[in-house]
């Protein structure tokens, strides 16, 4: 087992290909997971870009949004397009932004 490492003063450990960061377990870097126990956010991801590691929470808990699917309504298509247009600048910032992960996972 590796000793805990420190990034930016925060300790985390990698055990059996799982990463524990601030007391929360992740299956790996850049792998989003559901956080049903969180009060306001529906998902979390431990984003890593180079040496930079950041815990990102995203998505409204209980929001009515769905990934694209066959036979979806025009209203759902319009809702998805509006989200992508409204958040385009933040999505373009890359994997260290909540908008990027929300777009990838929830929309």
N, C-alpha and C. Protein backbone atom coordinates (compact mmCIF):
# COMPACT_ATOMS: atom_id res chain seq x y z
N UNK A 1 0.84 -1.18 0.00
CA UNK A 1 0.00 0.00 0.00
C UNK A 1 0.88 1.24 0.00
N UNK A 2 0.54 2.19 -0.84
CA UNK A 2 1.28 3.44 -0.91
C UNK A 2 0.95 4.31 0.29
N UNK A 3 1.92 5.07 0.78
CA UNK A 3 1.59 6.02 1.84
C UNK A 3 0.74 7.15 1.26
N UNK A 4 -0.10 7.80 2.08
CA UNK A 4 -0.93 8.89 1.57
C UNK A 4 -0.06 9.99 0.96
N UNK A 5 -0.52 10.52 -0.14
CA UNK A 5 0.18 11.62 -0.82
C UNK A 5 -0.56 12.92 -0.54
N UNK A 6 0.14 14.00 -0.76
CA UNK A 6 -0.47 15.31 -0.51
C UNK A 6 -0.44 16.12 -1.79
N UNK A 7 -1.57 16.70 -2.13
CA UNK A 7 -1.67 17.63 -3.25
C UNK A 7 -2.34 18.88 -2.72
N UNK A 8 -1.62 19.97 -2.73
CA UNK A 8 -2.19 21.23 -2.24
C UNK A 8 -2.57 21.17 -0.78
N UNK A 9 -1.86 20.38 0.02
CA UNK A 9 -2.15 20.30 1.45
C UNK A 9 -3.26 19.33 1.79
N UNK A 10 -3.91 18.71 0.79
CA UNK A 10 -4.98 17.76 1.03
C UNK A 10 -4.42 16.36 0.84
N UNK A 11 -4.66 15.48 1.79
CA UNK A 11 -4.14 14.13 1.71
C UNK A 11 -5.16 13.22 1.03
N UNK A 12 -4.66 12.32 0.21
CA UNK A 12 -5.49 11.31 -0.40
C UNK A 12 -4.68 10.04 -0.54
N UNK A 13 -5.36 8.91 -0.70
CA UNK A 13 -4.65 7.65 -0.85
C UNK A 13 -5.27 6.85 -1.98
N UNK A 14 -4.45 6.02 -2.61
CA UNK A 14 -4.90 5.15 -3.69
C UNK A 14 -4.76 3.71 -3.20
N UNK A 15 -5.87 3.02 -3.04
CA UNK A 15 -5.88 1.64 -2.58
C UNK A 15 -6.75 0.82 -3.54
N UNK A 16 -6.20 -0.26 -4.06
CA UNK A 16 -6.93 -1.13 -4.98
C UNK A 16 -7.60 -0.37 -6.12
N UNK A 17 -6.85 0.54 -6.71
CA UNK A 17 -7.31 1.35 -7.83
C UNK A 17 -8.47 2.27 -7.46
N UNK A 18 -8.78 2.40 -6.19
CA UNK A 18 -9.78 3.36 -5.72
C UNK A 18 -9.03 4.49 -5.03
N UNK A 19 -9.57 5.67 -5.14
CA UNK A 19 -8.92 6.85 -4.57
C UNK A 19 -9.82 7.43 -3.50
N UNK A 20 -9.25 7.68 -2.33
CA UNK A 20 -9.99 8.34 -1.27
C UNK A 20 -9.47 9.77 -1.17
N UNK A 21 -10.36 10.71 -1.31
CA UNK A 21 -10.01 12.13 -1.31
C UNK A 21 -10.98 12.86 -0.41
N UNK A 22 -10.45 13.50 0.64
CA UNK A 22 -11.30 14.19 1.63
C UNK A 22 -12.39 13.28 2.18
N UNK A 23 -12.04 12.02 2.40
CA UNK A 23 -12.98 11.07 3.00
C UNK A 23 -13.99 10.49 2.03
N UNK A 24 -13.88 10.79 0.75
CA UNK A 24 -14.82 10.28 -0.24
C UNK A 24 -14.08 9.38 -1.23
N UNK A 25 -14.68 8.22 -1.55
CA UNK A 25 -14.02 7.26 -2.44
C UNK A 25 -14.43 7.47 -3.89
N UNK A 26 -13.45 7.38 -4.78
CA UNK A 26 -13.67 7.49 -6.22
C UNK A 26 -13.01 6.30 -6.89
N UNK A 27 -13.61 5.82 -7.98
CA UNK A 27 -13.04 4.68 -8.69
C UNK A 27 -11.80 5.06 -9.49
N UNK A 28 -11.58 6.33 -9.70
CA UNK A 28 -10.40 6.82 -10.41
C UNK A 28 -10.55 8.30 -10.70
N UNK A 29 -9.51 8.87 -11.26
CA UNK A 29 -9.58 10.27 -11.66
C UNK A 29 -10.48 10.40 -12.88
N UNK A 30 -11.20 11.52 -12.95
CA UNK A 30 -12.07 11.84 -14.09
C UNK A 30 -13.15 10.79 -14.32
N UNK A 31 -13.61 10.16 -13.23
CA UNK A 31 -14.69 9.19 -13.31
C UNK A 31 -15.83 9.67 -12.40
N UNK A 32 -16.87 10.26 -12.98
CA UNK A 32 -17.97 10.80 -12.17
C UNK A 32 -18.76 9.70 -11.46
N UNK A 33 -19.35 10.09 -10.33
CA UNK A 33 -20.19 9.15 -9.58
C UNK A 33 -21.40 9.88 -9.03
N UNK A 34 -22.47 9.14 -8.78
CA UNK A 34 -23.68 9.70 -8.18
C UNK A 34 -23.42 9.98 -6.71
N UNK A 35 -23.99 11.05 -6.20
CA UNK A 35 -23.89 11.36 -4.77
C UNK A 35 -25.29 11.58 -4.23
N UNK A 36 -26.02 10.48 -4.10
CA UNK A 36 -27.42 10.57 -3.66
C UNK A 36 -27.53 11.09 -2.23
N UNK A 37 -26.47 10.93 -1.44
CA UNK A 37 -26.50 11.39 -0.06
C UNK A 37 -26.19 12.88 0.09
N UNK A 38 -25.76 13.52 -0.97
CA UNK A 38 -25.41 14.94 -0.88
C UNK A 38 -26.68 15.78 -0.91
N UNK A 39 -26.69 16.85 -0.14
CA UNK A 39 -27.88 17.68 0.02
C UNK A 39 -28.32 18.37 -1.28
N UNK A 40 -27.37 18.94 -2.03
CA UNK A 40 -27.75 19.74 -3.19
C UNK A 40 -27.22 19.25 -4.52
N UNK A 41 -26.10 18.54 -4.55
CA UNK A 41 -25.48 18.14 -5.81
C UNK A 41 -25.65 16.65 -6.08
N UNK A 42 -25.96 16.30 -7.32
CA UNK A 42 -26.28 14.92 -7.66
C UNK A 42 -25.07 14.08 -8.04
N UNK A 43 -23.97 14.71 -8.45
CA UNK A 43 -22.79 13.97 -8.89
C UNK A 43 -21.51 14.62 -8.35
N UNK A 44 -20.44 13.84 -8.35
CA UNK A 44 -19.13 14.36 -7.98
C UNK A 44 -18.09 13.66 -8.84
N UNK A 45 -16.98 14.35 -9.08
CA UNK A 45 -15.88 13.78 -9.84
C UNK A 45 -14.57 14.30 -9.26
N UNK A 46 -13.58 13.45 -9.23
CA UNK A 46 -12.24 13.86 -8.82
C UNK A 46 -11.47 14.15 -10.11
N UNK A 47 -11.47 15.41 -10.51
CA UNK A 47 -10.88 15.81 -11.79
C UNK A 47 -9.38 15.98 -11.63
N UNK A 48 -8.64 15.53 -12.63
CA UNK A 48 -7.19 15.67 -12.60
C UNK A 48 -6.73 16.15 -13.97
N UNK A 49 -5.97 17.23 -13.96
CA UNK A 49 -5.41 17.80 -15.18
C UNK A 49 -3.94 18.08 -14.90
N UNK A 50 -3.06 17.23 -15.40
CA UNK A 50 -1.64 17.34 -15.08
C UNK A 50 -1.43 16.97 -13.62
N UNK A 51 -0.83 17.88 -12.85
CA UNK A 51 -0.61 17.65 -11.41
C UNK A 51 -1.75 18.21 -10.57
N UNK A 52 -2.67 18.92 -11.19
CA UNK A 52 -3.77 19.57 -10.47
C UNK A 52 -4.91 18.59 -10.24
N UNK A 53 -5.34 18.45 -8.98
CA UNK A 53 -6.45 17.58 -8.61
C UNK A 53 -7.51 18.43 -7.93
N UNK A 54 -8.78 18.23 -8.32
CA UNK A 54 -9.86 19.06 -7.79
C UNK A 54 -11.13 18.22 -7.65
N UNK A 55 -11.79 18.34 -6.51
CA UNK A 55 -13.08 17.70 -6.31
C UNK A 55 -14.15 18.63 -6.85
N UNK A 56 -14.93 18.15 -7.81
CA UNK A 56 -15.98 18.97 -8.42
C UNK A 56 -17.32 18.30 -8.18
N UNK A 57 -18.24 19.06 -7.60
CA UNK A 57 -19.62 18.60 -7.44
C UNK A 57 -20.45 19.33 -8.47
N UNK A 58 -21.38 18.61 -9.09
CA UNK A 58 -22.18 19.23 -10.14
C UNK A 58 -23.54 18.58 -10.23
N UNK A 59 -24.47 19.27 -10.87
CA UNK A 59 -25.81 18.75 -11.11
C UNK A 59 -26.74 19.00 -9.94
N UNK A 60 -27.92 19.48 -10.26
CA UNK A 60 -28.91 19.73 -9.22
C UNK A 60 -29.55 18.42 -8.80
N UNK A 61 -29.63 18.19 -7.50
CA UNK A 61 -30.25 16.98 -6.97
C UNK A 61 -31.73 16.99 -7.34
N UNK A 62 -32.21 15.95 -7.99
CA UNK A 62 -33.62 15.84 -8.35
C UNK A 62 -34.02 16.61 -9.60
N UNK A 63 -33.06 17.11 -10.36
CA UNK A 63 -33.38 17.87 -11.58
C UNK A 63 -33.96 16.94 -12.64
N UNK A 64 -34.83 17.49 -13.47
CA UNK A 64 -35.47 16.72 -14.53
C UNK A 64 -34.69 16.91 -15.83
N UNK A 65 -33.57 16.21 -15.95
CA UNK A 65 -32.80 16.24 -17.19
C UNK A 65 -32.38 14.82 -17.53
N UNK A 66 -32.29 14.57 -18.81
CA UNK A 66 -32.01 13.22 -19.26
C UNK A 66 -31.00 13.26 -20.39
N UNK A 67 -30.15 12.23 -20.50
CA UNK A 67 -29.26 12.16 -21.67
C UNK A 67 -30.07 11.93 -22.94
N UNK A 68 -29.50 12.22 -24.11
CA UNK A 68 -30.24 12.02 -25.36
C UNK A 68 -30.74 10.58 -25.48
N UNK A 69 -31.92 10.43 -26.03
CA UNK A 69 -32.47 9.09 -26.20
C UNK A 69 -33.36 9.04 -27.44
N UNK A 70 -33.62 7.86 -27.87
CA UNK A 70 -34.48 7.65 -29.03
C UNK A 70 -35.91 8.08 -28.68
N UNK A 71 -36.61 8.66 -29.62
CA UNK A 71 -38.01 9.08 -29.47
C UNK A 71 -38.21 10.14 -28.38
N UNK A 72 -37.23 11.01 -28.16
CA UNK A 72 -37.43 12.06 -27.15
C UNK A 72 -38.27 13.19 -27.74
N UNK A 73 -38.91 13.94 -26.88
CA UNK A 73 -39.80 15.01 -27.33
C UNK A 73 -39.00 16.22 -27.80
N UNK A 74 -39.66 17.07 -28.55
CA UNK A 74 -39.04 18.32 -29.01
C UNK A 74 -38.70 19.21 -27.81
N UNK A 75 -39.53 19.16 -26.77
CA UNK A 75 -39.29 19.96 -25.57
C UNK A 75 -37.97 19.55 -24.90
N UNK A 76 -37.71 18.25 -24.83
CA UNK A 76 -36.46 17.75 -24.24
C UNK A 76 -35.26 18.17 -25.09
N UNK A 77 -35.40 18.12 -26.41
CA UNK A 77 -34.33 18.54 -27.30
C UNK A 77 -34.04 20.03 -27.12
N UNK A 78 -35.09 20.82 -27.01
CA UNK A 78 -34.93 22.26 -26.84
C UNK A 78 -34.29 22.57 -25.49
N UNK A 79 -34.68 21.83 -24.46
CA UNK A 79 -34.12 22.02 -23.13
C UNK A 79 -32.62 21.73 -23.12
N UNK A 80 -32.22 20.65 -23.79
CA UNK A 80 -30.81 20.28 -23.89
C UNK A 80 -30.02 21.35 -24.66
N UNK A 81 -30.57 21.81 -25.78
CA UNK A 81 -29.90 22.82 -26.60
C UNK A 81 -29.73 24.12 -25.82
N UNK A 82 -30.75 24.50 -25.04
CA UNK A 82 -30.68 25.73 -24.25
C UNK A 82 -29.59 25.63 -23.19
N UNK A 83 -29.49 24.48 -22.54
CA UNK A 83 -28.45 24.29 -21.53
C UNK A 83 -27.07 24.43 -22.16
N UNK A 84 -26.85 23.74 -23.28
CA UNK A 84 -25.55 23.76 -23.93
C UNK A 84 -25.19 25.16 -24.42
N UNK A 85 -26.16 25.89 -24.90
CA UNK A 85 -25.90 27.25 -25.38
C UNK A 85 -25.61 28.19 -24.20
N UNK A 86 -26.38 28.07 -23.14
CA UNK A 86 -26.24 28.94 -21.96
C UNK A 86 -24.90 28.74 -21.26
N UNK A 87 -24.39 27.52 -21.27
CA UNK A 87 -23.17 27.20 -20.54
C UNK A 87 -21.97 26.95 -21.45
N UNK A 88 -22.05 27.33 -22.71
CA UNK A 88 -21.00 27.01 -23.69
C UNK A 88 -19.61 27.49 -23.25
N UNK A 89 -19.50 28.70 -22.71
CA UNK A 89 -18.19 29.22 -22.29
C UNK A 89 -17.60 28.40 -21.16
N UNK A 90 -18.43 28.02 -20.20
CA UNK A 90 -17.93 27.23 -19.07
C UNK A 90 -17.62 25.79 -19.47
N UNK A 91 -18.40 25.24 -20.39
CA UNK A 91 -18.14 23.89 -20.87
C UNK A 91 -16.79 23.86 -21.58
N UNK A 92 -16.48 24.92 -22.32
CA UNK A 92 -15.23 25.00 -23.07
C UNK A 92 -14.00 25.09 -22.17
N UNK A 93 -14.18 25.41 -20.90
CA UNK A 93 -13.05 25.51 -19.97
C UNK A 93 -12.39 24.16 -19.72
N UNK A 94 -13.10 23.09 -20.00
CA UNK A 94 -12.50 21.76 -19.87
C UNK A 94 -12.89 21.03 -18.61
N UNK A 95 -12.17 19.95 -18.34
CA UNK A 95 -12.58 19.03 -17.29
C UNK A 95 -12.39 19.54 -15.86
N UNK A 96 -11.85 20.73 -15.68
CA UNK A 96 -11.73 21.28 -14.33
C UNK A 96 -12.92 22.18 -14.00
N UNK A 97 -13.99 22.13 -14.81
CA UNK A 97 -15.19 22.94 -14.54
C UNK A 97 -16.41 22.05 -14.36
N UNK A 98 -17.32 22.47 -13.51
CA UNK A 98 -18.54 21.71 -13.25
C UNK A 98 -19.42 21.64 -14.49
N UNK A 99 -19.45 22.70 -15.29
CA UNK A 99 -20.28 22.72 -16.50
C UNK A 99 -19.86 21.63 -17.48
N UNK A 100 -18.56 21.40 -17.60
CA UNK A 100 -18.05 20.36 -18.50
C UNK A 100 -18.61 19.00 -18.09
N UNK A 101 -18.54 18.69 -16.81
CA UNK A 101 -19.00 17.38 -16.32
C UNK A 101 -20.52 17.26 -16.38
N UNK A 102 -21.21 18.34 -16.08
CA UNK A 102 -22.67 18.30 -16.18
C UNK A 102 -23.11 18.04 -17.61
N UNK A 103 -22.45 18.69 -18.57
CA UNK A 103 -22.75 18.49 -19.98
C UNK A 103 -22.47 17.04 -20.38
N UNK A 104 -21.36 16.52 -19.94
CA UNK A 104 -20.94 15.16 -20.32
C UNK A 104 -21.83 14.08 -19.71
N UNK A 105 -22.18 14.25 -18.44
CA UNK A 105 -22.89 13.19 -17.70
C UNK A 105 -24.41 13.35 -17.76
N UNK A 106 -24.89 14.56 -17.56
CA UNK A 106 -26.33 14.75 -17.38
C UNK A 106 -27.08 15.20 -18.62
N UNK A 107 -26.39 15.79 -19.59
CA UNK A 107 -27.09 16.34 -20.75
C UNK A 107 -26.67 15.62 -22.00
